[in-house]
Amino acid sequence: MATLRGTTTLAGTTLFMADAFRRAVSTTGIPLPDAVQMTSRTAARLIGLNDRGARQPGLRADMVELDAGLRPTRVWLGGTTVT
């Protein structure tokens, strides 16, 4: 059983977003642009982060670069490379 740290609240999942993204594209046939939209802009809006989730001027530059196997290779937070 997975709980949120320091609580008894059940976690919805322990799956990493990158793994969920890769599975959605490879097993369900969701087109890559749709999967990107769902895991970026839609996800950000659902949790109230209106300053990120799309590549456009004025928005925070949080991005993940994926390789051909849809595995993360680099990450940017606020425009700064962190990995």
N, C-alpha and C. Protein backbone atom coordinates (compact mmCIF):
# COMPACT_ATOMS: atom_id res chain seq x y z
N MET A 1 0.85 -1.17 0.00
CA MET A 1 0.00 0.00 0.00
C MET A 1 0.90 1.23 0.00
N ALA A 2 0.65 2.16 -0.91
CA ALA A 2 1.42 3.40 -1.00
C ALA A 2 0.62 4.55 -0.41
N THR A 3 1.26 5.29 0.50
CA THR A 3 0.61 6.45 1.11
C THR A 3 1.45 7.69 0.85
N LEU A 4 0.80 8.85 0.96
CA LEU A 4 1.52 10.10 0.84
C LEU A 4 2.42 10.26 2.06
N ARG A 5 3.64 10.69 1.83
CA ARG A 5 4.63 10.80 2.89
C ARG A 5 4.10 11.55 4.12
N GLY A 6 4.27 10.93 5.27
CA GLY A 6 3.88 11.56 6.52
C GLY A 6 2.39 11.53 6.82
N THR A 7 1.62 10.80 6.00
CA THR A 7 0.18 10.73 6.21
C THR A 7 -0.30 9.29 6.06
N THR A 8 -1.58 9.09 6.29
CA THR A 8 -2.19 7.79 6.03
C THR A 8 -3.04 7.84 4.76
N THR A 9 -2.92 8.95 4.00
CA THR A 9 -3.67 9.13 2.77
C THR A 9 -3.10 8.24 1.67
N LEU A 10 -3.96 7.45 1.04
CA LEU A 10 -3.50 6.58 -0.04
C LEU A 10 -3.04 7.39 -1.23
N ALA A 11 -1.92 6.99 -1.80
CA ALA A 11 -1.42 7.62 -3.02
C ALA A 11 -2.21 7.08 -4.20
N GLY A 12 -2.46 7.93 -5.19
CA GLY A 12 -3.20 7.48 -6.37
C GLY A 12 -2.39 6.49 -7.19
N THR A 13 -1.08 6.66 -7.22
CA THR A 13 -0.20 5.77 -7.95
C THR A 13 1.23 6.02 -7.53
N THR A 14 2.10 5.07 -7.82
CA THR A 14 3.53 5.27 -7.60
C THR A 14 4.25 5.27 -8.95
N LEU A 15 3.49 5.32 -10.01
CA LEU A 15 4.03 5.32 -11.37
C LEU A 15 4.60 6.70 -11.70
N PHE A 16 5.81 6.73 -12.23
CA PHE A 16 6.41 7.99 -12.68
C PHE A 16 5.70 8.48 -13.93
N MET A 17 5.57 9.81 -14.08
CA MET A 17 4.89 10.40 -15.22
C MET A 17 5.52 9.95 -16.54
N ALA A 18 6.84 9.87 -16.60
CA ALA A 18 7.50 9.45 -17.84
C ALA A 18 7.09 8.03 -18.22
N ASP A 19 6.95 7.16 -17.23
CA ASP A 19 6.52 5.79 -17.51
C ASP A 19 5.07 5.76 -17.98
N ALA A 20 4.22 6.55 -17.34
CA ALA A 20 2.81 6.62 -17.75
C ALA A 20 2.69 7.17 -19.16
N PHE A 21 3.47 8.20 -19.49
CA PHE A 21 3.48 8.80 -20.82
C PHE A 21 3.86 7.75 -21.87
N ARG A 22 4.96 7.05 -21.62
CA ARG A 22 5.46 6.04 -22.56
C ARG A 22 4.43 4.93 -22.75
N ARG A 23 3.83 4.48 -21.66
CA ARG A 23 2.81 3.42 -21.76
C ARG A 23 1.58 3.88 -22.53
N ALA A 24 1.16 5.11 -22.28
CA ALA A 24 -0.03 5.63 -22.97
C ALA A 24 0.19 5.66 -24.47
N VAL A 25 1.36 6.10 -24.88
CA VAL A 25 1.65 6.20 -26.31
C VAL A 25 1.83 4.81 -26.92
N SER A 26 2.57 3.93 -26.24
CA SER A 26 2.89 2.64 -26.84
C SER A 26 1.77 1.61 -26.77
N THR A 27 0.95 1.66 -25.72
CA THR A 27 -0.07 0.61 -25.58
C THR A 27 -1.47 1.02 -26.03
N THR A 28 -1.77 2.30 -25.99
CA THR A 28 -3.12 2.71 -26.36
C THR A 28 -3.18 3.37 -27.73
N GLY A 29 -2.02 3.73 -28.27
CA GLY A 29 -1.99 4.36 -29.57
C GLY A 29 -2.35 5.85 -29.54
N ILE A 30 -2.34 6.45 -28.35
CA ILE A 30 -2.60 7.88 -28.27
C ILE A 30 -1.53 8.59 -29.09
N PRO A 31 -1.92 9.47 -30.01
CA PRO A 31 -0.92 10.19 -30.80
C PRO A 31 0.01 11.00 -29.89
N LEU A 32 1.29 11.05 -30.25
CA LEU A 32 2.29 11.74 -29.43
C LEU A 32 1.89 13.17 -29.08
N PRO A 33 1.41 14.00 -30.03
CA PRO A 33 1.01 15.36 -29.66
C PRO A 33 -0.10 15.40 -28.60
N ASP A 34 -1.03 14.47 -28.67
CA ASP A 34 -2.11 14.41 -27.69
C ASP A 34 -1.57 14.02 -26.31
N ALA A 35 -0.65 13.07 -26.28
CA ALA A 35 -0.06 12.64 -25.02
C ALA A 35 0.74 13.79 -24.39
N VAL A 36 1.45 14.54 -25.22
CA VAL A 36 2.20 15.69 -24.70
C VAL A 36 1.24 16.71 -24.10
N GLN A 37 0.16 16.99 -24.79
CA GLN A 37 -0.85 17.94 -24.29
C GLN A 37 -1.42 17.49 -22.95
N MET A 38 -1.76 16.20 -22.85
CA MET A 38 -2.36 15.67 -21.62
C MET A 38 -1.42 15.75 -20.44
N THR A 39 -0.13 15.48 -20.68
CA THR A 39 0.82 15.43 -19.56
C THR A 39 1.52 16.76 -19.32
N SER A 40 1.18 17.77 -20.09
CA SER A 40 1.79 19.08 -19.86
C SER A 40 0.71 20.12 -19.59
N ARG A 41 0.13 20.66 -20.63
CA ARG A 41 -0.83 21.75 -20.46
C ARG A 41 -2.06 21.35 -19.64
N THR A 42 -2.66 20.22 -19.98
CA THR A 42 -3.85 19.78 -19.26
C THR A 42 -3.54 19.50 -17.80
N ALA A 43 -2.44 18.80 -17.54
CA ALA A 43 -2.06 18.48 -16.16
C ALA A 43 -1.78 19.76 -15.37
N ALA A 44 -1.07 20.70 -15.97
CA ALA A 44 -0.76 21.96 -15.28
C ALA A 44 -2.05 22.72 -14.94
N ARG A 45 -2.97 22.79 -15.88
CA ARG A 45 -4.23 23.52 -15.64
C ARG A 45 -5.05 22.87 -14.53
N LEU A 46 -5.07 21.53 -14.51
CA LEU A 46 -5.85 20.82 -13.51
C LEU A 46 -5.39 21.10 -12.08
N ILE A 47 -4.10 21.40 -11.91
CA ILE A 47 -3.61 21.70 -10.57
C ILE A 47 -3.34 23.19 -10.38
N GLY A 48 -3.88 24.00 -11.29
CA GLY A 48 -3.84 25.45 -11.12
C GLY A 48 -2.54 26.13 -11.48
N LEU A 49 -1.68 25.47 -12.25
CA LEU A 49 -0.41 26.07 -12.68
C LEU A 49 -0.59 26.69 -14.06
N ASN A 50 -1.07 27.91 -14.10
CA ASN A 50 -1.37 28.56 -15.37
C ASN A 50 -0.16 29.22 -16.02
N ASP A 51 1.00 29.16 -15.35
CA ASP A 51 2.20 29.79 -15.89
C ASP A 51 3.12 28.81 -16.61
N ARG A 52 2.64 27.60 -16.88
CA ARG A 52 3.46 26.58 -17.54
C ARG A 52 2.57 25.58 -18.27
N GLY A 53 3.20 24.66 -18.98
CA GLY A 53 2.44 23.62 -19.67
C GLY A 53 2.41 23.76 -21.18
N ALA A 54 3.02 24.82 -21.71
CA ALA A 54 3.08 25.00 -23.16
C ALA A 54 4.34 25.78 -23.50
N ARG A 55 4.79 25.64 -24.73
CA ARG A 55 5.95 26.41 -25.19
C ARG A 55 5.46 27.69 -25.83
N GLN A 56 5.40 28.74 -25.05
CA GLN A 56 5.01 30.04 -25.59
C GLN A 56 5.62 31.13 -24.72
N PRO A 57 5.89 32.29 -25.33
CA PRO A 57 6.52 33.39 -24.59
C PRO A 57 5.73 33.74 -23.33
N GLY A 58 6.48 33.99 -22.26
CA GLY A 58 5.87 34.41 -21.00
C GLY A 58 5.56 33.28 -20.04
N LEU A 59 5.59 32.04 -20.53
CA LEU A 59 5.34 30.90 -19.64
C LEU A 59 6.65 30.35 -19.10
N ARG A 60 6.57 29.76 -17.94
CA ARG A 60 7.75 29.15 -17.31
C ARG A 60 8.26 28.01 -18.18
N ALA A 61 9.57 27.94 -18.35
CA ALA A 61 10.19 26.94 -19.22
C ALA A 61 10.57 25.69 -18.43
N ASP A 62 9.58 24.87 -18.11
CA ASP A 62 9.81 23.56 -17.53
C ASP A 62 9.61 22.56 -18.66
N MET A 63 10.68 21.84 -19.02
CA MET A 63 10.59 20.92 -20.16
C MET A 63 11.37 19.65 -19.89
N VAL A 64 10.98 18.59 -20.61
CA VAL A 64 11.68 17.31 -20.55
C VAL A 64 11.98 16.90 -21.98
N GLU A 65 13.24 16.57 -22.24
CA GLU A 65 13.64 16.05 -23.55
C GLU A 65 13.59 14.54 -23.48
N LEU A 66 12.98 13.93 -24.48
CA LEU A 66 12.86 12.47 -24.52
C LEU A 66 13.70 11.90 -25.66
N ASP A 67 14.20 10.67 -25.46
CA ASP A 67 14.91 10.00 -26.54
C ASP A 67 13.90 9.27 -27.43
N ALA A 68 14.39 8.54 -28.41
CA ALA A 68 13.51 7.84 -29.35
C ALA A 68 12.62 6.81 -28.66
N GLY A 69 13.05 6.31 -27.49
CA GLY A 69 12.25 5.35 -26.74
C GLY A 69 11.33 6.02 -25.74
N LEU A 70 11.21 7.34 -25.84
CA LEU A 70 10.36 8.17 -24.97
C LEU A 70 10.81 8.12 -23.50
N ARG A 71 12.13 8.02 -23.32
CA ARG A 71 12.71 8.07 -21.99
C ARG A 71 13.37 9.43 -21.79
N PRO A 72 13.22 10.03 -20.60
CA PRO A 72 13.81 11.35 -20.36
C PRO A 72 15.33 11.33 -20.51
N THR A 73 15.85 12.37 -21.17
CA THR A 73 17.29 12.52 -21.31
C THR A 73 17.80 13.81 -20.67
N ARG A 74 16.98 14.86 -20.69
CA ARG A 74 17.34 16.13 -20.06
C ARG A 74 16.08 16.78 -19.51
N VAL A 75 16.28 17.59 -18.45
CA VAL A 75 15.17 18.30 -17.82
C VAL A 75 15.57 19.75 -17.60
N TRP A 76 14.64 20.66 -17.86
CA TRP A 76 14.81 22.07 -17.59
C TRP A 76 13.72 22.51 -16.62
N LEU A 77 14.10 23.24 -15.59
CA LEU A 77 13.14 23.84 -14.67
C LEU A 77 13.36 25.34 -14.68
N GLY A 78 12.35 26.06 -15.05
CA GLY A 78 12.46 27.51 -15.15
C GLY A 78 13.53 27.94 -16.14
N GLY A 79 13.76 27.12 -17.17
CA GLY A 79 14.73 27.44 -18.20
C GLY A 79 16.15 27.02 -17.88
N THR A 80 16.38 26.43 -16.71
CA THR A 80 17.71 26.00 -16.30
C THR A 80 17.81 24.48 -16.38
N THR A 81 18.85 23.98 -17.06
CA THR A 81 19.05 22.55 -17.15
C THR A 81 19.39 21.97 -15.78
N VAL A 82 18.68 20.93 -15.38
CA VAL A 82 18.95 20.31 -14.09
C VAL A 82 19.48 18.90 -14.22
N THR A 83 19.33 18.26 -15.37
CA THR A 83 19.93 16.94 -15.60
C THR A 83 20.41 16.82 -17.02
